[in-house]
PDB file of N, CA and C in Angstrom:
ATOM      1  N   THR A   1     -77.343  14.499-133.493  1.00  0.00           N
ATOM      2  CA  THR A   1     -78.096  15.739-133.576  1.00  0.00           C
ATOM      3  C   THR A   1     -78.329  16.072-135.034  1.00  0.00           C
ATOM      4  N   CYS A   2     -79.529  16.477-135.346  1.00  0.00           N
ATOM      5  CA  CYS A   2     -79.880  16.862-136.713  1.00  0.00           C
ATOM      6  C   CYS A   2     -80.324  18.315-136.706  1.00  0.00           C
ATOM      7  N   TYR A   3     -79.701  19.138-137.538  1.00  0.00           N
ATOM      8  CA  TYR A   3     -80.068  20.544-137.654  1.00  0.00           C
ATOM      9  C   TYR A   3     -80.775  20.761-138.982  1.00  0.00           C
ATOM     10  N   ILE A   4     -81.875  21.480-138.972  1.00  0.00           N
ATOM     11  CA  ILE A   4     -82.614  21.775-140.196  1.00  0.00           C
ATOM     12  C   ILE A   4     -82.757  23.283-140.320  1.00  0.00           C
ATOM     13  N   PRO A   5     -82.045  23.913-141.286  1.00  0.00           N
ATOM     14  CA  PRO A   5     -82.192  25.355-141.462  1.00  0.00           C
ATOM     15  C   PRO A   5     -83.569  25.675-142.043  1.00  0.00           C
ATOM     16  N   PRO A   6     -84.030  26.913-141.899  1.00  0.00           N
ATOM     17  CA  PRO A   6     -85.332  27.286-142.460  1.00  0.00           C
ATOM     18  C   PRO A   6     -85.281  27.254-143.987  1.00  0.00           C
ATOM     19  N   CYS A   7     -85.768  26.185-144.572  1.00  0.00           N
ATOM     20  CA  CYS A   7     -85.676  25.951-146.014  1.00  0.00           C
ATOM     21  C   CYS A   7     -86.739  26.728-146.780  1.00  0.00           C
ATOM     22  N   PRO A   8     -86.460  27.015-148.073  1.00  0.00           N
ATOM     23  CA  PRO A   8     -87.514  27.575-148.915  1.00  0.00           C
ATOM     24  C   PRO A   8     -88.678  26.593-148.958  1.00  0.00           C
ATOM     25  N   PRO A   9     -89.912  27.067-149.063  1.00  0.00           N
ATOM     26  CA  PRO A   9     -91.062  26.158-149.035  1.00  0.00           C
ATOM     27  C   PRO A   9     -91.099  25.229-150.244  1.00  0.00           C
ATOM     28  N   LEU A  10     -91.533  23.984-150.001  1.00  0.00           N
ATOM     29  CA  LEU A  10     -91.734  23.040-151.102  1.00  0.00           C
ATOM     30  C   LEU A  10     -93.033  23.387-151.810  1.00  0.00           C
ATOM     31  N   SER A  11     -93.107  23.043-153.075  1.00  0.00           N
ATOM     32  CA  SER A  11     -94.318  23.311-153.842  1.00  0.00           C
ATOM     33  C   SER A  11     -95.100  22.023-154.020  1.00  0.00           C
ATOM     34  N   GLN A  12     -96.403  22.108-153.962  1.00  0.00           N
ATOM     35  CA  GLN A  12     -97.267  20.952-154.190  1.00  0.00           C
ATOM     36  C   GLN A  12     -97.680  20.865-155.660  1.00  0.00           C
ATOM     37  N   ASP A  13     -97.120  21.723-156.520  1.00  0.00           N
ATOM     38  CA  ASP A  13     -97.522  21.795-157.923  1.00  0.00           C
ATOM     39  C   ASP A  13     -96.905  20.702-158.794  1.00  0.00           C
ATOM     40  N   TYR A  14     -96.015  19.895-158.253  1.00  0.00           N
ATOM     41  CA  TYR A  14     -95.286  18.929-159.058  1.00  0.00           C
ATOM     42  C   TYR A  14     -95.636  17.511-158.614  1.00  0.00           C
ATOM     43  N   ALA A  15     -95.700  16.604-159.567  1.00  0.00           N
ATOM     44  CA  ALA A  15     -96.111  15.227-159.278  1.00  0.00           C
ATOM     45  C   ALA A  15     -95.159  14.533-158.307  1.00  0.00           C
ATOM     46  N   HIS A  16     -93.859  14.757-158.462  1.00  0.00           N
ATOM     47  CA  HIS A  16     -92.860  14.094-157.623  1.00  0.00           C
ATOM     48  C   HIS A  16     -91.825  15.103-157.142  1.00  0.00           C
ATOM     49  N   PRO A  17     -92.210  16.017-156.245  1.00  0.00           N
ATOM     50  CA  PRO A  17     -91.230  16.993-155.764  1.00  0.00           C
ATOM     51  C   PRO A  17     -90.152  16.304-154.936  1.00  0.00           C
ATOM     52  N   PRO A  18     -88.928  16.839-154.931  1.00  0.00           N
ATOM     53  CA  PRO A  18     -87.878  16.242-154.104  1.00  0.00           C
ATOM     54  C   PRO A  18     -88.236  16.385-152.630  1.00  0.00           C
ATOM     55  N   SER A  19     -87.666  15.524-151.808  1.00  0.00           N
ATOM     56  CA  SER A  19     -87.980  15.561-150.379  1.00  0.00           C
ATOM     57  C   SER A  19     -87.290  16.721-149.671  1.00  0.00           C
ATOM     58  N   ALA A  20     -86.298  17.313-150.297  1.00  0.00           N
ATOM     59  CA  ALA A  20     -85.575  18.443-149.701  1.00  0.00           C
ATOM     60  C   ALA A  20     -85.156  19.396-150.816  1.00  0.00           C
ATOM     61  N   PRO A  21     -84.876  20.645-150.486  1.00  0.00           N
ATOM     62  CA  PRO A  21     -84.404  21.567-151.524  1.00  0.00           C
ATOM     63  C   PRO A  21     -83.007  21.174-151.998  1.00  0.00           C
ATOM     64  N   PHE A  22     -82.655  21.636-153.187  1.00  0.00           N
ATOM     65  CA  PHE A  22     -81.294  21.448-153.675  1.00  0.00           C
ATOM     66  C   PHE A  22     -80.373  22.265-152.779  1.00  0.00           C
ATOM     67  N   HIS A  23     -79.131  21.817-152.615  1.00  0.00           N
ATOM     68  CA  HIS A  23     -78.217  22.509-151.707  1.00  0.00           C
ATOM     69  C   HIS A  23     -76.793  22.474-152.240  1.00  0.00           C
ATOM     70  N   ALA A  24     -75.983  23.404-151.745  1.00  0.00           N
ATOM     71  CA  ALA A  24     -74.566  23.442-152.080  1.00  0.00           C
ATOM     72  C   ALA A  24     -73.809  24.087-150.937  1.00  0.00           C
ATOM     73  N   LEU A  25     -72.624  23.585-150.694  1.00  0.00           N
ATOM     74  CA  LEU A  25     -71.698  24.214-149.765  1.00  0.00           C
ATOM     75  C   LEU A  25     -70.658  24.947-150.591  1.00  0.00           C
ATOM     76  N   VAL A  26     -70.375  26.179-150.223  1.00  0.00           N
ATOM     77  CA  VAL A  26     -69.444  27.018-150.973  1.00  0.00           C
ATOM     78  C   VAL A  26     -68.311  27.405-150.041  1.00  0.00           C
ATOM     79  N   SER A  27     -67.070  27.145-150.470  1.00  0.00           N
ATOM     80  CA  SER A  27     -65.939  27.468-149.603  1.00  0.00           C
ATOM     81  C   SER A  27     -65.806  28.976-149.425  1.00  0.00           C
ATOM     82  N   SER A  28     -65.397  29.346-148.229  1.00  0.00           N
ATOM     83  CA  SER A  28     -65.217  30.754-147.888  1.00  0.00           C
ATOM     84  C   SER A  28     -63.733  31.039-147.754  1.00  0.00           C
ATOM     85  N   ARG A  29     -63.289  32.135-148.323  1.00  0.00           N
ATOM     86  CA  ARG A  29     -61.870  32.481-148.241  1.00  0.00           C
ATOM     87  C   ARG A  29     -61.504  33.092-146.895  1.00  0.00           C
ATOM     88  N   SER A  30     -62.499  33.647-146.196  1.00  0.00           N
ATOM     89  CA  SER A  30     -62.196  34.354-144.952  1.00  0.00           C
ATOM     90  C   SER A  30     -62.448  33.520-143.696  1.00  0.00           C
ATOM     91  N   ARG A  31     -63.137  32.381-143.823  1.00  0.00           N
ATOM     92  CA  ARG A  31     -63.465  31.561-142.656  1.00  0.00           C
ATOM     93  C   ARG A  31     -63.181  30.094-142.952  1.00  0.00           C
ATOM     94  N   SER A  32     -63.123  29.322-141.884  1.00  0.00           N
ATOM     95  CA  SER A  32     -62.888  27.889-142.069  1.00  0.00           C
ATOM     96  C   SER A  32     -64.170  27.132-142.403  1.00  0.00           C
ATOM     97  N   ASP A  33     -65.334  27.631-141.952  1.00  0.00           N
ATOM     98  CA  ASP A  33     -66.582  26.931-142.271  1.00  0.00           C
ATOM     99  C   ASP A  33     -67.167  27.453-143.585  1.00  0.00           C
ATOM    100  N   PRO A  34     -67.785  26.570-144.383  1.00  0.00           N
ATOM    101  CA  PRO A  34     -68.298  26.968-145.700  1.00  0.00           C
ATOM    102  C   PRO A  34     -69.617  27.735-145.616  1.00  0.00           C
ATOM    103  N   ASP A  35     -69.978  28.364-146.730  1.00  0.00           N
ATOM    104  CA  ASP A  35     -71.272  29.021-146.889  1.00  0.00           C
ATOM    105  C   ASP A  35     -72.289  27.954-147.307  1.00  0.00           C
ATOM    106  N   LEU A  36     -73.579  28.262-147.172  1.00  0.00           N
ATOM    107  CA  LEU A  36     -74.640  27.315-147.504  1.00  0.00           C
ATOM    108  C   LEU A  36     -75.640  27.970-148.447  1.00  0.00           C
ATOM    109  N   VAL A  37     -76.010  27.252-149.532  1.00  0.00           N
ATOM    110  CA  VAL A  37     -77.013  27.722-150.490  1.00  0.00           C
ATOM    111  C   VAL A  37     -78.107  26.660-150.594  1.00  0.00           C
ATOM    112  N   LEU A  38     -79.381  27.087-150.496  1.00  0.00           N
ATOM    113  CA  LEU A  38     -80.527  26.196-150.701  1.00  0.00           C
ATOM    114  C   LEU A  38     -81.380  26.755-151.832  1.00  0.00           C
ATOM    115  N   LEU A  39     -81.909  25.880-152.690  1.00  0.00           N
ATOM    116  CA  LEU A  39     -82.723  26.275-153.834  1.00  0.00           C
ATOM    117  C   LEU A  39     -83.967  25.392-153.899  1.00  0.00           C
ATOM    118  N   SER A  40     -85.155  26.007-153.962  1.00  0.00           N
ATOM    119  CA  SER A  40     -86.406  25.245-154.058  1.00  0.00           C
ATOM    120  C   SER A  40     -86.797  25.049-155.521  1.00  0.00           C
ATOM    121  N   LEU A  41     -87.760  24.165-155.770  1.00  0.00           N
ATOM    122  CA  LEU A  41     -88.266  23.941-157.131  1.00  0.00           C
ATOM    123  C   LEU A  41     -88.820  25.217-157.747  1.00  0.00           C
ATOM    124  N   ARG A  42     -89.425  26.071-156.932  1.00  0.00           N
ATOM    125  CA  ARG A  42     -90.036  27.305-157.431  1.00  0.00           C
ATOM    126  C   ARG A  42     -89.026  28.421-157.672  1.00  0.00           C
ATOM    127  N   GLY A  43     -87.743  28.177-157.380  1.00  0.00           N
ATOM    128  CA  GLY A  43     -86.727  29.186-157.629  1.00  0.00           C
ATOM    129  C   GLY A  43     -86.418  30.083-156.448  1.00  0.00           C
ATOM    130  N   ASP A  44     -86.867  29.706-155.257  1.00  0.00           N
ATOM    131  CA  ASP A  44     -86.514  30.456-154.050  1.00  0.00           C
ATOM    132  C   ASP A  44     -85.108  30.055-153.623  1.00  0.00           C
ATOM    133  N   ILE A  45     -84.219  31.038-153.493  1.00  0.00           N
ATOM    134  CA  ILE A  45     -82.833  30.787-153.108  1.00  0.00           C
ATOM    135  C   ILE A  45     -82.588  31.407-151.743  1.00  0.00           C
ATOM    136  N   ARG A  46     -81.930  30.658-150.874  1.00  0.00           N
ATOM    137  CA  ARG A  46     -81.492  31.194-149.583  1.00  0.00           C
ATOM    138  C   ARG A  46     -80.000  30.946-149.446  1.00  0.00           C
ATOM    139  N   PHE A  47     -79.291  31.979-148.951  1.00  0.00           N
ATOM    140  CA  PHE A  47     -77.834  31.926-148.812  1.00  0.00           C
ATOM    141  C   PHE A  47     -77.438  32.340-147.402  1.00  0.00           C
ATOM    142  N   TRP A  48     -76.668  31.502-146.745  1.00  0.00           N
ATOM    143  CA  TRP A  48     -76.085  31.819-145.447  1.00  0.00           C
ATOM    144  C   TRP A  48     -74.590  32.003-145.649  1.00  0.00           C
ATOM    145  N   ASP A  49     -74.023  33.090-145.108  1.00  0.00           N
ATOM    146  CA  ASP A  49     -72.591  33.328-145.291  1.00  0.00           C
ATOM    147  C   ASP A  49     -71.746  32.487-144.342  1.00  0.00           C
ATOM    148  N   SER A  50     -72.370  31.570-143.649  1.00  0.00           N
ATOM    149  CA  SER A  50     -71.674  30.611-142.797  1.00  0.00           C
ATOM    150  C   SER A  50     -72.621  29.447-142.535  1.00  0.00           C
ATOM    151  N   ILE A  51     -72.160  28.238-142.776  1.00  0.00           N
ATOM    152  CA  ILE A  51     -73.020  27.082-142.510  1.00  0.00           C
ATOM    153  C   ILE A  51     -73.364  27.003-141.029  1.00  0.00           C
ATOM    154  N   THR A  52     -72.481  27.527-140.189  1.00  0.00           N
ATOM    155  CA  THR A  52     -72.739  27.524-138.750  1.00  0.00           C
ATOM    156  C   THR A  52     -74.009  28.295-138.424  1.00  0.00           C
ATOM    157  N   SER A  53     -74.193  29.466-139.042  1.00  0.00           N
ATOM    158  CA  SER A  53     -75.413  30.240-138.776  1.00  0.00           C
ATOM    159  C   SER A  53     -76.640  29.536-139.351  1.00  0.00           C
ATOM    160  N   GLY A  54     -76.489  28.852-140.482  1.00  0.00           N
ATOM    161  CA  GLY A  54     -77.604  28.106-141.057  1.00  0.00           C
ATOM    162  C   GLY A  54     -78.027  26.947-140.180  1.00  0.00           C
ATOM    163  N   LEU A  55     -77.061  26.252-139.617  1.00  0.00           N
ATOM    164  CA  LEU A  55     -77.363  25.101-138.777  1.00  0.00           C
ATOM    165  C   LEU A  55     -77.828  25.500-137.385  1.00  0.00           C
ATOM    166  N   ALA A  56     -77.498  26.717-136.974  1.00  0.00           N
ATOM    167  CA  ALA A  56     -77.878  27.170-135.632  1.00  0.00           C
ATOM    168  C   ALA A  56     -79.272  27.784-135.612  1.00  0.00           C
ATOM    169  N   GLY A  57     -80.012  27.648-136.681  1.00  0.00           N
ATOM    170  CA  GLY A  57     -81.364  28.189-136.708  1.00  0.00           C
ATOM    171  C   GLY A  57     -81.566  29.187-137.817  1.00  0.00           C
ATOM    172  N   GLY A  58     -80.497  29.522-138.514  1.00  0.00           N
ATOM    173  CA  GLY A  58     -80.607  30.348-139.710  1.00  0.00           C
ATOM    174  C   GLY A  58     -81.096  31.751-139.494  1.00  0.00           C
ATOM    175  N   GLY A  59     -80.710  32.365-138.394  1.00  0.00           N
ATOM    176  CA  GLY A  59     -81.192  33.700-138.083  1.00  0.00           C
ATOM    177  C   GLY A  59     -80.956  34.729-139.167  1.00  0.00           C
ATOM    178  N   SER A  60     -79.856  34.652-139.874  1.00  0.00           N
ATOM    179  CA  SER A  60     -79.522  35.677-140.858  1.00  0.00           C
ATOM    180  C   SER A  60     -79.166  35.029-142.193  1.00  0.00           C
ATOM    181  N   PHE A  61     -80.001  35.263-143.208  1.00  0.00           N
ATOM    182  CA  PHE A  61     -79.708  34.739-144.539  1.00  0.00           C
ATOM    183  C   PHE A  61     -80.205  35.733-145.577  1.00  0.00           C
ATOM    184  N   GLU A  62     -79.648  35.633-146.772  1.00  0.00           N
ATOM    185  CA  GLU A  62     -80.099  36.430-147.914  1.00  0.00           C
ATOM    186  C   GLU A  62     -81.081  35.576-148.704  1.00  0.00           C
ATOM    187  N   SER A  63     -82.087  36.205-149.292  1.00  0.00           N
ATOM    188  CA  SER A  63     -83.094  35.470-150.042  1.00  0.00           C
ATOM    189  C   SER A  63     -83.377  36.183-151.359  1.00  0.00           C
ATOM    190  N   VAL A  64     -83.543  35.408-152.419  1.00  0.00           N
ATOM    191  CA  VAL A  64     -83.877  35.954-153.736  1.00  0.00           C
ATOM    192  C   VAL A  64     -84.728  34.914-154.464  1.00  0.00           C
ATOM    193  N   ASN A  65     -85.526  35.365-155.424  1.00  0.00           N
ATOM    194  CA  ASN A  65     -86.363  34.459-156.201  1.00  0.00           C
ATOM    195  C   ASN A  65     -85.991  34.582-157.671  1.00  0.00           C
ATOM    196  N   LEU A  66     -85.925  33.457-158.381  1.00  0.00           N
ATOM    197  CA  LEU A  66     -85.554  33.449-159.798  1.00  0.00           C
ATOM    198  C   LEU A  66     -86.670  33.930-160.714  1.00  0.00           C
ATOM    199  N   GLU A  67     -87.870  34.153-160.189  1.00  0.00           N
ATOM    200  CA  GLU A  67     -89.018  34.626-160.969  1.00  0.00           C
ATOM    201  C   GLU A  67     -89.261  33.749-162.202  1.00  0.00           C
ATOM    202  N   LEU A  68     -89.490  32.474-161.959  1.00  0.00           N
ATOM    203  CA  LEU A  68     -89.758  31.522-163.031  1.00  0.00           C
ATOM    204  C   LEU A  68     -91.161  31.731-163.579  1.00  0.00           C
ATOM    205  N   GLY A  69     -91.343  31.401-164.851  1.00  0.00           N
ATOM    206  CA  GLY A  69     -92.653  31.519-165.480  1.00  0.00           C
ATOM    207  C   GLY A  69     -93.566  30.366-165.090  1.00  0.00           C
ATOM    208  N   GLU A  70     -94.833  30.473-165.479  1.00  0.00           N
ATOM    209  CA  GLU A  70     -95.803  29.425-165.177  1.00  0.00           C
ATOM    210  C   GLU A  70     -95.354  28.113-165.809  1.00  0.00           C
ATOM    211  N   GLY A  71     -95.342  27.058-165.030  1.00  0.00           N
ATOM    212  CA  GLY A  71     -94.927  25.746-165.507  1.00  0.00           C
ATOM    213  C   GLY A  71     -93.423  25.523-165.477  1.00  0.00           C
ATOM    214  N   GLU A  72     -92.633  26.544-165.146  1.00  0.00           N
ATOM    215  CA  GLU A  72     -91.182  26.395-165.047  1.00  0.00           C
ATOM    216  C   GLU A  72     -90.806  26.035-163.616  1.00  0.00           C
ATOM    217  N   TYR A  73     -89.732  25.276-163.474  1.00  0.00           N
ATOM    218  CA  TYR A  73     -89.232  24.912-162.158  1.00  0.00           C
ATOM    219  C   TYR A  73     -87.750  24.600-162.259  1.00  0.00           C
ATOM    220  N   THR A  74     -87.063  24.616-161.132  1.00  0.00           N
ATOM    221  CA  THR A  74     -85.647  24.273-161.127  1.00  0.00           C
ATOM    222  C   THR A  74     -85.510  22.758-161.102  1.00  0.00           C
ATOM    223  N   SER A  75     -84.449  22.259-161.705  1.00  0.00           N
ATOM    224  CA  SER A  75     -84.239  20.816-161.741  1.00  0.00           C
ATOM    225  C   SER A  75     -82.920  20.416-161.096  1.00  0.00           C
ATOM    226  N   GLY A  76     -82.169  21.391-160.602  1.00  0.00           N
ATOM    227  CA  GLY A  76     -80.907  21.075-159.950  1.00  0.00           C
ATOM    228  C   GLY A  76     -80.148  22.332-159.601  1.00  0.00           C
ATOM    229  N   LEU A  77     -79.093  22.147-158.855  1.00  0.00           N
ATOM    230  CA  LEU A  77     -78.204  23.240-158.469  1.00  0.00           C
ATOM    231  C   LEU A  77     -76.798  22.803-158.815  1.00  0.00           C
ATOM    232  N   LEU A  78     -76.136  23.536-159.670  1.00  0.00           N
ATOM    233  CA  LEU A  78     -74.807  23.181-160.144  1.00  0.00           C
ATOM    234  C   LEU A  78     -73.817  24.234-159.699  1.00  0.00           C
ATOM    235  N   ARG A  79     -72.777  23.805-159.026  1.00  0.00           N
ATOM    236  CA  ARG A  79     -71.731  24.731-158.591  1.00  0.00           C
ATOM    237  C   ARG A  79     -70.697  24.855-159.705  1.00  0.00           C
ATOM    238  N   VAL A  80     -70.408  26.092-160.075  1.00  0.00           N
ATOM    239  CA  VAL A  80     -69.419  26.361-161.115  1.00  0.00           C
ATOM    240  C   VAL A  80     -68.431  27.377-160.563  1.00  0.00           C
ATOM    241  N   ASP A  81     -67.164  27.026-160.523  1.00  0.00           N
ATOM    242  CA  ASP A  81     -66.136  27.948-160.017  1.00  0.00           C
ATOM    243  C   ASP A  81     -65.496  28.718-161.143  1.00  0.00           C
TER     244      ASP A  81
END
């Protein structure tokens, strides 16, 4: 079974966009399943407070945009504790 959460949209503005958004799993202190973060080239970030909700169709997530300037894009997602 393959689950695909509702990802931030890919941009057609780049010559070689990645096939999927950048992602990270973040450990949760209150639950056994981790949180999920997705980041698009355009700076769209989506956060699920449980990977289970993200994999089950992503009904509830937080969304924010990095407000990048013209010609700017994200090149990776780095987890720093």
